[in-house]
C-alpha atoms as a PDB file:
ATOM      1  CA  MET A   1      25.231 -44.999  17.866  1.00  0.00           C
ATOM      2  CA  ALA A   2      22.545 -45.171  14.287  1.00  0.00           C
ATOM      3  CA  ASP A   3      24.500 -43.164  12.124  1.00  0.00           C
ATOM      4  CA  ASP A   4      22.521 -41.960   8.825  1.00  0.00           C
ATOM      5  CA  PRO A   5      24.909 -42.681   5.960  1.00  0.00           C
ATOM      6  CA  ALA A   6      22.879 -40.303   4.167  1.00  0.00           C
ATOM      7  CA  ILE A   7      25.211 -37.480   6.078  1.00  0.00           C
ATOM      8  CA  PRO A   8      27.984 -37.765   5.395  1.00  0.00           C
ATOM      9  CA  ASP A   9      30.701 -36.320   8.258  1.00  0.00           C
ATOM     10  CA  GLN A  10      31.937 -33.551   5.591  1.00  0.00           C
ATOM     11  CA  ARG A  11      27.832 -32.253   6.122  1.00  0.00           C
ATOM     12  CA  VAL A  12      28.093 -33.681   9.592  1.00  0.00           C
ATOM     13  CA  ALA A  13      31.385 -30.889   9.905  1.00  0.00           C
ATOM     14  CA  GLN A  14      30.130 -27.786   8.078  1.00  0.00           C
ATOM     15  CA  VAL A  15      26.615 -27.473   9.412  1.00  0.00           C
ATOM     16  CA  LEU A  16      28.437 -28.316  13.662  1.00  0.00           C
ATOM     17  CA  GLY A  17      31.593 -25.712  12.132  1.00  0.00           C
ATOM     18  CA  LEU A  18      28.978 -22.879  11.680  1.00  0.00           C
ATOM     19  CA  TYR A  19      27.355 -23.563  14.664  1.00  0.00           C
ATOM     20  CA  ALA A  20      30.096 -23.678  16.172  1.00  0.00           C
ATOM     21  CA  ARG A  21      30.509 -19.661  14.977  1.00  0.00           C
ATOM     22  CA  LEU A  22      27.395 -18.464  16.581  1.00  0.00           C
ATOM     23  CA  ALA A  23      27.911 -19.774  19.908  1.00  0.00           C
ATOM     24  CA  HIS A  24      31.300 -18.290  19.868  1.00  0.00           C
ATOM     25  CA  LEU A  25      29.348 -15.649  20.039  1.00  0.00           C
ATOM     26  CA  VAL A  26      26.831 -16.879  22.243  1.00  0.00           C
ATOM     27  CA  ILE A  27      29.502 -17.548  25.076  1.00  0.00           C
ATOM     28  CA  ALA A  28      31.661 -14.247  24.324  1.00  0.00           C
ATOM     29  CA  ASP A  29      28.516 -12.285  25.333  1.00  0.00           C
ATOM     30  CA  PRO A  30      26.465 -13.837  27.945  1.00  0.00           C
ATOM     31  CA  VAL A  31      25.201 -11.558  28.558  1.00  0.00           C
ATOM     32  CA  ARG A  32      23.670  -9.975  25.644  1.00  0.00           C
ATOM     33  CA  TRP A  33      22.064 -14.016  24.081  1.00  0.00           C
ATOM     34  CA  LEU A  34      22.007 -15.490  27.027  1.00  0.00           C
ATOM     35  CA  GLY A  35      20.893 -12.280  29.229  1.00  0.00           C
ATOM     36  CA  LEU A  36      18.313 -12.522  32.712  1.00  0.00           C
ATOM     37  CA  ASP A  37      18.319  -9.647  33.899  1.00  0.00           C
ATOM     38  CA  ASP A  38      14.641  -8.352  33.932  1.00  0.00           C
ATOM     39  CA  ASP A  39      12.047  -9.413  36.417  1.00  0.00           C
ATOM     40  CA  PRO A  40       9.361 -10.564  35.075  1.00  0.00           C
ATOM     41  CA  PRO A  41       5.025  -9.625  35.802  1.00  0.00           C
ATOM     42  CA  PRO A  42       2.958 -10.826  38.437  1.00  0.00           C
ATOM     43  CA  SER A  43       1.118 -12.704  35.697  1.00  0.00           C
ATOM     44  CA  ALA A  44       3.615 -14.643  34.298  1.00  0.00           C
ATOM     45  CA  ARG A  45       3.815 -18.505  33.458  1.00  0.00           C
ATOM     46  CA  PHE A  46       5.840 -21.043  35.156  1.00  0.00           C
ATOM     47  CA  PRO A  47       9.141 -20.587  32.845  1.00  0.00           C
ATOM     48  CA  ALA A  48       9.663 -16.994  33.858  1.00  0.00           C
ATOM     49  CA  ARG A  49       8.764 -17.225  37.838  1.00  0.00           C
ATOM     50  CA  ALA A  50      10.603 -20.460  37.564  1.00  0.00           C
ATOM     51  CA  LEU A  51      13.694 -18.516  35.968  1.00  0.00           C
ATOM     52  CA  ASP A  52      13.934 -15.558  38.263  1.00  0.00           C
ATOM     53  CA  ALA A  53      13.408 -18.033  40.877  1.00  0.00           C
ATOM     54  CA  LEU A  54      16.429 -19.545  40.007  1.00  0.00           C
ATOM     55  CA  ARG A  55      18.378 -16.426  38.827  1.00  0.00           C
ATOM     56  CA  ASP A  56      19.980 -14.617  42.228  1.00  0.00           C
ATOM     57  CA  ARG A  57      20.638 -18.098  43.931  1.00  0.00           C
ATOM     58  CA  ALA A  58      22.112 -19.778  40.823  1.00  0.00           C
ATOM     59  CA  PHE A  59      24.702 -17.074  38.942  1.00  0.00           C
ATOM     60  CA  GLY A  60      26.263 -14.714  41.799  1.00  0.00           C
ATOM     61  CA  GLU A  61      27.871 -11.936  41.198  1.00  0.00           C
ATOM     62  CA  VAL A  62      31.455 -13.309  39.247  1.00  0.00           C
ATOM     63  CA  THR A  63      30.490 -13.315  36.392  1.00  0.00           C
ATOM     64  CA  PRO A  64      32.366 -13.865  32.541  1.00  0.00           C
ATOM     65  CA  ALA A  65      32.514 -10.724  32.412  1.00  0.00           C
ATOM     66  CA  SER A  66      33.704 -10.046  35.785  1.00  0.00           C
ATOM     67  CA  PRO A  67      37.545  -8.968  36.596  1.00  0.00           C
ATOM     68  CA  ARG A  68      38.044 -12.172  39.093  1.00  0.00           C
ATOM     69  CA  TRP A  69      36.452 -14.726  36.687  1.00  0.00           C
ATOM     70  CA  ASP A  70      39.995 -16.045  35.648  1.00  0.00           C
ATOM     71  CA  GLU A  71      40.277 -16.189  40.210  1.00  0.00           C
ATOM     72  CA  ARG A  72      37.498 -19.306  40.293  1.00  0.00           C
ATOM     73  CA  PRO A  73      38.430 -22.544  40.252  1.00  0.00           C
ATOM     74  CA  LEU A  74      37.934 -24.205  36.936  1.00  0.00           C
ATOM     75  CA  HIS A  75      35.385 -26.401  38.615  1.00  0.00           C
ATOM     76  CA  ASP A  76      33.578 -23.521  39.115  1.00  0.00           C
ATOM     77  CA  ARG A  77      33.375 -21.178  36.373  1.00  0.00           C
ATOM     78  CA  VAL A  78      32.212 -24.469  33.741  1.00  0.00           C
ATOM     79  CA  GLU A  79      29.233 -24.855  37.174  1.00  0.00           C
ATOM     80  CA  TRP A  80      28.213 -21.191  36.244  1.00  0.00           C
ATOM     81  CA  TRP A  81      28.089 -22.262  32.807  1.00  0.00           C
ATOM     82  CA  VAL A  82      25.557 -25.529  33.253  1.00  0.00           C
ATOM     83  CA  ARG A  83      23.594 -23.316  35.351  1.00  0.00           C
ATOM     84  CA  ARG A  84      23.263 -20.803  32.868  1.00  0.00           C
ATOM     85  CA  ILE A  85      22.749 -22.850  30.577  1.00  0.00           C
ATOM     86  CA  GLY A  86      20.188 -24.904  31.805  1.00  0.00           C
ATOM     87  CA  VAL A  87      18.111 -22.048  33.329  1.00  0.00           C
ATOM     88  CA  SER A  88      18.048 -20.411  30.210  1.00  0.00           C
ATOM     89  CA  ALA A  89      18.686 -22.430  26.913  1.00  0.00           C
ATOM     90  CA  GLY A  90      17.158 -25.600  29.006  1.00  0.00           C
ATOM     91  CA  LEU A  91      13.971 -23.764  30.064  1.00  0.00           C
ATOM     92  CA  ALA A  92      13.902 -23.438  26.006  1.00  0.00           C
ATOM     93  CA  ALA A  93      13.970 -26.404  24.839  1.00  0.00           C
ATOM     94  CA  ALA A  94      11.584 -27.737  26.913  1.00  0.00           C
ATOM     95  CA  ALA A  95       8.967 -25.478  26.371  1.00  0.00           C
ATOM     96  CA  PRO A  96       7.559 -27.705  23.344  1.00  0.00           C
ATOM     97  CA  ARG A  97       6.508 -30.086  26.453  1.00  0.00           C
ATOM     98  CA  VAL A  98       4.012 -28.585  27.334  1.00  0.00           C
ATOM     99  CA  ALA A  99       1.851 -30.879  25.121  1.00  0.00           C
ATOM    100  CA  GLY A 100       2.864 -33.615  26.390  1.00  0.00           C
ATOM    101  CA  ALA A 101       3.541 -36.476  24.302  1.00  0.00           C
ATOM    102  CA  LEU A 102       2.544 -34.473  21.288  1.00  0.00           C
ATOM    103  CA  ALA A 103       5.502 -32.925  21.490  1.00  0.00           C
ATOM    104  CA  ASP A 104       7.835 -36.025  20.802  1.00  0.00           C
ATOM    105  CA  ARG A 105       6.256 -35.707  17.121  1.00  0.00           C
ATOM    106  CA  VAL A 106       7.719 -32.168  16.826  1.00  0.00           C
ATOM    107  CA  PRO A 107      10.968 -32.666  14.741  1.00  0.00           C
ATOM    108  CA  LEU A 108      12.648 -29.458  17.057  1.00  0.00           C
ATOM    109  CA  GLN A 109      12.632 -30.810  19.542  1.00  0.00           C
ATOM    110  CA  ALA A 110      15.653 -33.108  19.605  1.00  0.00           C
ATOM    111  CA  ALA A 111      16.519 -29.965  18.107  1.00  0.00           C
ATOM    112  CA  LEU A 112      16.118 -27.640  20.517  1.00  0.00           C
ATOM    113  CA  GLY A 113      18.112 -29.889  23.737  1.00  0.00           C
ATOM    114  CA  ALA A 114      21.257 -30.354  20.979  1.00  0.00           C
ATOM    115  CA  SER A 115      21.708 -26.624  20.426  1.00  0.00           C
ATOM    116  CA  ALA A 116      21.452 -26.005  24.286  1.00  0.00           C
ATOM    117  CA  ALA A 117      24.295 -29.453  25.045  1.00  0.00           C
ATOM    118  CA  GLY A 118      25.869 -27.975  23.131  1.00  0.00           C
ATOM    119  CA  LEU A 119      26.074 -25.350  24.403  1.00  0.00           C
ATOM    120  CA  ALA A 120      27.585 -26.689  27.082  1.00  0.00           C
ATOM    121  CA  VAL A 121      30.133 -28.079  25.189  1.00  0.00           C
ATOM    122  CA  CYS A 122      31.589 -24.804  23.981  1.00  0.00           C
ATOM    123  CA  ALA A 123      31.176 -23.008  26.850  1.00  0.00           C
ATOM    124  CA  THR A 124      32.977 -26.348  29.253  1.00  0.00           C
ATOM    125  CA  ALA A 125      35.681 -26.587  25.880  1.00  0.00           C
ATOM    126  CA  ARG A 126      36.085 -22.837  26.206  1.00  0.00           C
ATOM    127  CA  GLU A 127      37.140 -22.810  30.503  1.00  0.00           C
ATOM    128  CA  HIS A 128      39.637 -25.614  29.603  1.00  0.00           C
ATOM    129  CA  GLY A 129      41.654 -23.447  26.994  1.00  0.00           C
ATOM    130  CA  VAL A 130      40.032 -24.461  23.733  1.00  0.00           C
ATOM    131  CA  VAL A 131      39.203 -21.144  22.604  1.00  0.00           C
ATOM    132  CA  GLU A 132      38.986 -21.733  18.946  1.00  0.00           C
ATOM    133  CA  ALA A 133      35.120 -22.534  17.448  1.00  0.00           C
ATOM    134  CA  GLU A 134      36.987 -25.068  14.804  1.00  0.00           C
ATOM    135  CA  ARG A 135      38.619 -26.758  17.878  1.00  0.00           C
ATOM    136  CA  TRP A 136      34.980 -27.371  19.112  1.00  0.00           C
ATOM    137  CA  VAL A 137      34.059 -29.421  16.292  1.00  0.00           C
ATOM    138  CA  PRO A 138      35.185 -32.432  16.402  1.00  0.00           C
ATOM    139  CA  LEU A 139      33.816 -32.455  20.101  1.00  0.00           C
ATOM    140  CA  LEU A 140      30.393 -31.687  19.381  1.00  0.00           C
ATOM    141  CA  ALA A 141      30.309 -34.169  16.975  1.00  0.00           C
ATOM    142  CA  LYS A 142      31.165 -36.757  19.608  1.00  0.00           C
ATOM    143  CA  VAL A 143      29.207 -35.790  22.545  1.00  0.00           C
ATOM    144  CA  LEU A 144      26.458 -35.175  20.448  1.00  0.00           C
ATOM    145  CA  LEU A 145      26.136 -37.264  17.961  1.00  0.00           C
ATOM    146  CA  ASP A 146      28.932 -40.074  18.535  1.00  0.00           C
ATOM    147  CA  ARG A 147      31.330 -39.081  15.288  1.00  0.00           C
ATOM    148  CA  ASP A 148      34.735 -39.581  14.853  1.00  0.00           C
ATOM    149  CA  LEU A 149      35.325 -36.273  13.408  1.00  0.00           C
ATOM    150  CA  ALA A 150      38.999 -35.770  12.675  1.00  0.00           C
ATOM    151  CA  PRO A 151      40.528 -31.653  13.177  1.00  0.00           C
ATOM    152  CA  ASP A 152      41.541 -31.959   9.911  1.00  0.00           C
ATOM    153  CA  ASP A 153      37.900 -32.649   8.222  1.00  0.00           C
ATOM    154  CA  VAL A 154      36.649 -29.960   9.737  1.00  0.00           C
ATOM    155  CA  PRO A 155      35.727 -27.370   7.101  1.00  0.00           C
ATOM    156  CA  VAL A 156      36.037 -23.119   7.360  1.00  0.00           C
ATOM    157  CA  ALA A 157      32.711 -21.634   7.187  1.00  0.00           C
ATOM    158  CA  GLU A 158      32.214 -19.986   4.730  1.00  0.00           C
ATOM    159  CA  THR A 159      32.478 -15.671   4.887  1.00  0.00           C
ATOM    160  CA  GLN A 160      29.159 -15.048   3.979  1.00  0.00           C
ATOM    161  CA  ASP A 161      27.653 -18.298   5.504  1.00  0.00           C
ATOM    162  CA  VAL A 162      28.454 -16.679   8.753  1.00  0.00           C
ATOM    163  CA  GLY A 163      27.400 -13.368   7.942  1.00  0.00           C
ATOM    164  CA  ALA A 164      24.097 -14.883   7.553  1.00  0.00           C
ATOM    165  CA  ALA A 165      23.933 -16.623  10.762  1.00  0.00           C
ATOM    166  CA  GLU A 166      24.868 -13.737  12.599  1.00  0.00           C
ATOM    167  CA  ALA A 167      22.541 -10.945  11.709  1.00  0.00           C
ATOM    168  CA  ASP A 168      19.561 -14.026  11.893  1.00  0.00           C
ATOM    169  CA  LEU A 169      20.910 -14.629  15.363  1.00  0.00           C
ATOM    170  CA  ALA A 170      20.188 -11.161  16.098  1.00  0.00           C
ATOM    171  CA  GLY A 171      16.881 -11.008  14.877  1.00  0.00           C
ATOM    172  CA  SER A 172      16.023 -14.211  17.322  1.00  0.00           C
ATOM    173  CA  ILE A 173      13.931 -12.750  20.014  1.00  0.00           C
ATOM    174  CA  PRO A 174      10.553 -13.838  20.280  1.00  0.00           C
ATOM    175  CA  ALA A 175       7.299 -11.619  20.274  1.00  0.00           C
ATOM    176  CA  PRO A 176       6.330 -11.292  23.976  1.00  0.00           C
ATOM    177  CA  GLU A 177       3.423 -13.234  23.086  1.00  0.00           C
ATOM    178  CA  GLU A 178       4.803 -15.765  21.061  1.00  0.00           C
ATOM    179  CA  SER A 179       6.915 -16.585  25.054  1.00  0.00           C
ATOM    180  CA  GLY A 180       4.891 -17.606  27.588  1.00  0.00           C
ATOM    181  CA  GLY A 181       4.730 -14.216  29.849  1.00  0.00           C
ATOM    182  CA  LEU A 182       8.891 -14.109  30.156  1.00  0.00           C
ATOM    183  CA  GLY A 183      10.595 -10.577  29.901  1.00  0.00           C
ATOM    184  CA  PRO A 184      13.101  -8.980  27.471  1.00  0.00           C
ATOM    185  CA  GLY A 185      16.297 -10.973  28.473  1.00  0.00           C
ATOM    186  CA  ALA A 186      14.801 -13.778  28.605  1.00  0.00           C
ATOM    187  CA  ARG A 187      13.204 -14.111  25.885  1.00  0.00           C
ATOM    188  CA  ARG A 188      16.586 -13.320  24.193  1.00  0.00           C
ATOM    189  CA  ALA A 189      17.757 -16.860  25.539  1.00  0.00           C
ATOM    190  CA  ALA A 190      14.848 -18.264  23.627  1.00  0.00           C
ATOM    191  CA  GLY A 191      15.414 -16.731  20.819  1.00  0.00           C
ATOM    192  CA  THR A 192      19.410 -17.456  21.015  1.00  0.00           C
ATOM    193  CA  VAL A 193      19.006 -21.082  21.312  1.00  0.00           C
ATOM    194  CA  TRP A 194      16.169 -21.522  18.770  1.00  0.00           C
ATOM    195  CA  ARG A 195      17.876 -20.077  16.804  1.00  0.00           C
ATOM    196  CA  LEU A 196      21.003 -22.068  17.291  1.00  0.00           C
ATOM    197  CA  ALA A 197      18.439 -25.399  16.658  1.00  0.00           C
ATOM    198  CA  ARG A 198      18.202 -24.278  13.569  1.00  0.00           C
ATOM    199  CA  GLN A 199      21.494 -26.025  12.695  1.00  0.00           C
ATOM    200  CA  PHE A 200      20.674 -29.181  13.506  1.00  0.00           C
ATOM    201  CA  TRP A 201      17.399 -29.562  11.985  1.00  0.00           C
ATOM    202  CA  GLU A 202      18.849 -31.605   9.029  1.00  0.00           C
ATOM    203  CA  LEU A 203      20.778 -33.576  11.840  1.00  0.00           C
ATOM    204  CA  GLN A 204      17.660 -34.895  13.332  1.00  0.00           C
ATOM    205  CA  SER A 205      18.071 -38.090  12.698  1.00  0.00           C
ATOM    206  CA  VAL A 206      21.240 -38.863  14.248  1.00  0.00           C
ATOM    207  CA  LEU A 207      20.374 -36.792  17.675  1.00  0.00           C
ATOM    208  CA  ASP A 208      19.063 -39.073  19.422  1.00  0.00           C
ATOM    209  CA  GLU A 209      22.121 -40.036  20.816  1.00  0.00           C
ATOM    210  CA  ARG A 210      22.605 -36.616  22.028  1.00  0.00           C
ATOM    211  CA  PRO A 211      23.064 -36.675  25.811  1.00  0.00           C
ATOM    212  CA  ARG A 212      20.129 -36.532  28.393  1.00  0.00           C
ATOM    213  CA  GLY A 213      18.914 -36.939  32.242  1.00  0.00           C
ATOM    214  CA  SER A 214      16.804 -39.300  33.667  1.00  0.00           C
ATOM    215  CA  ARG A 215      14.577 -41.461  32.333  1.00  0.00           C
ATOM    216  CA  VAL A 216      12.188 -40.839  34.361  1.00  0.00           C
ATOM    217  CA  PHE A 217      12.264 -37.182  33.583  1.00  0.00           C
ATOM    218  CA  ARG A 218      12.013 -38.113  30.283  1.00  0.00           C
ATOM    219  CA  ALA A 219       8.818 -40.535  30.990  1.00  0.00           C
ATOM    220  CA  LEU A 220       7.142 -37.380  32.649  1.00  0.00           C
ATOM    221  CA  GLY A 221       7.918 -35.293  30.347  1.00  0.00           C
ATOM    222  CA  LYS A 222       5.335 -37.064  28.155  1.00  0.00           C
ATOM    223  CA  LEU A 223       2.558 -36.490  30.428  1.00  0.00           C
ATOM    224  CA  PRO A 224       0.430 -33.058  30.165  1.00  0.00           C
ATOM    225  CA  VAL A 225       0.653 -30.618  32.746  1.00  0.00           C
ATOM    226  CA  VAL A 226       3.659 -32.074  33.947  1.00  0.00           C
ATOM    227  CA  GLY A 227       5.315 -32.076  30.759  1.00  0.00           C
ATOM    228  CA  LEU A 228       6.863 -28.224  31.062  1.00  0.00           C
ATOM    229  CA  PRO A 229       9.042 -29.107  34.267  1.00  0.00           C
ATOM    230  CA  ALA A 230      10.203 -32.531  33.577  1.00  0.00           C
ATOM    231  CA  GLY A 231      11.150 -31.678  29.645  1.00  0.00           C
ATOM    232  CA  PHE A 232      13.077 -28.869  31.550  1.00  0.00           C
ATOM    233  CA  LEU A 233      14.835 -30.900  34.295  1.00  0.00           C
ATOM    234  CA  ASP A 234      15.306 -33.990  31.826  1.00  0.00           C
ATOM    235  CA  GLU A 235      17.139 -31.194  29.345  1.00  0.00           C
ATOM    236  CA  ARG A 236      19.189 -29.996  31.810  1.00  0.00           C
ATOM    237  CA  GLY A 237      20.386 -32.893  32.767  1.00  0.00           C
ATOM    238  CA  GLY A 238      21.500 -33.625  29.158  1.00  0.00           C
ATOM    239  CA  ILE A 239      23.683 -29.868  29.442  1.00  0.00           C
ATOM    240  CA  LYS A 240      25.064 -31.583  32.616  1.00  0.00           C
ATOM    241  CA  ARG A 241      26.451 -34.760  31.051  1.00  0.00           C
ATOM    242  CA  ALA A 242      27.726 -33.088  27.534  1.00  0.00           C
ATOM    243  CA  SER A 243      29.768 -31.045  30.188  1.00  0.00           C
ATOM    244  CA  LYS A 244      31.099 -33.928  31.948  1.00  0.00           C
ATOM    245  CA  GLU A 245      31.426 -36.081  29.035  1.00  0.00           C
ATOM    246  CA  THR A 246      33.365 -32.950  27.216  1.00  0.00           C
ATOM    247  CA  ALA A 247      35.676 -32.487  30.062  1.00  0.00           C
ATOM    248  CA  ALA A 248      36.121 -36.359  29.911  1.00  0.00           C
ATOM    249  CA  LEU A 249      38.167 -35.777  26.724  1.00  0.00           C
ATOM    250  CA  LEU A 250      40.032 -32.931  26.792  1.00  0.00           C
ATOM    251  CA  GLY A 251      41.119 -34.278  29.945  1.00  0.00           C
ATOM    252  CA  ARG A 252      42.084 -37.867  27.736  1.00  0.00           C
ATOM    253  CA  SER A 253      43.391 -35.361  24.548  1.00  0.00           C
ATOM    254  CA  ALA A 254      45.330 -33.772  26.871  1.00  0.00           C
ATOM    255  CA  ARG A 255      47.080 -36.661  28.587  1.00  0.00           C
END
C-alpha cells in the first residue's frame, strides 16, 4: 500500500461518497446508463464490433429489470453485472491504450479503470443486500485503494454536489466522431464511465492499489496495435477481481 499523506481519509471518503451516489443511479437503471441496445454499422471499428459480438451471449434475457431477476442465484446475478460492466465499461476504460505505451502517461487511464472496478464493487454489494450508497464507500476504499474507512467516517454528500454531478452524468454522452464508431447505447456506456472517472482524478497517486488483470495482458497493453484488446482484457480482469474482493469482504463482515 502506498498511502499518500496529502490525501486524508476524510477527503477520500468525500470523493468516494459522491462516486457511490452516481454509481447508485447507474446500477438502478443499467439499460439507460450502460445501454447496449443498438447494432453498430458495418464500418464500425474494433470496440463496436467486439461489443456487438459479446452482447447477446453475455447478457441473456433476464436482467435486473426483469420480474424474475431475484429468482436467479446470487452468483449468477453478480456474474451478470461483471459481464455487463466488463463489456460496456471495460472497453471504455481501455480505450487510451490504443496509443500503446504512451497511454501510461495519460492520467485518466487509472481513473477510468478504477471507475469500472468501482461499479463492480457497488453492484456486487447491492446483490449481497447492501443497497445504501453510503455503505458502499468503505468497500470502495478498501478494494480500490486498500484504505480502511469506518462507516461513521463517511460524510453525507452535499445535495448541491450530488445534483450537479447527476446533471453532468446525464450530459456526458460523447459524440459519434469521438467514440470510434460506437452506437448510441454503447456511447451512453462510455460516457457514463468517463463521467464516473472524473471522481477519481484527485486520487491518481493512490490508484495503483486498484485491482488489475493479468500481468501478461498489462504488458501486452503497452504494445501498439494489440494495446486496445489486451488493455480491455486487463481492465476486465480487474473488474472480476474487484467483485470477488467485495464478496469476500462482505462474507467476512457477516460472520
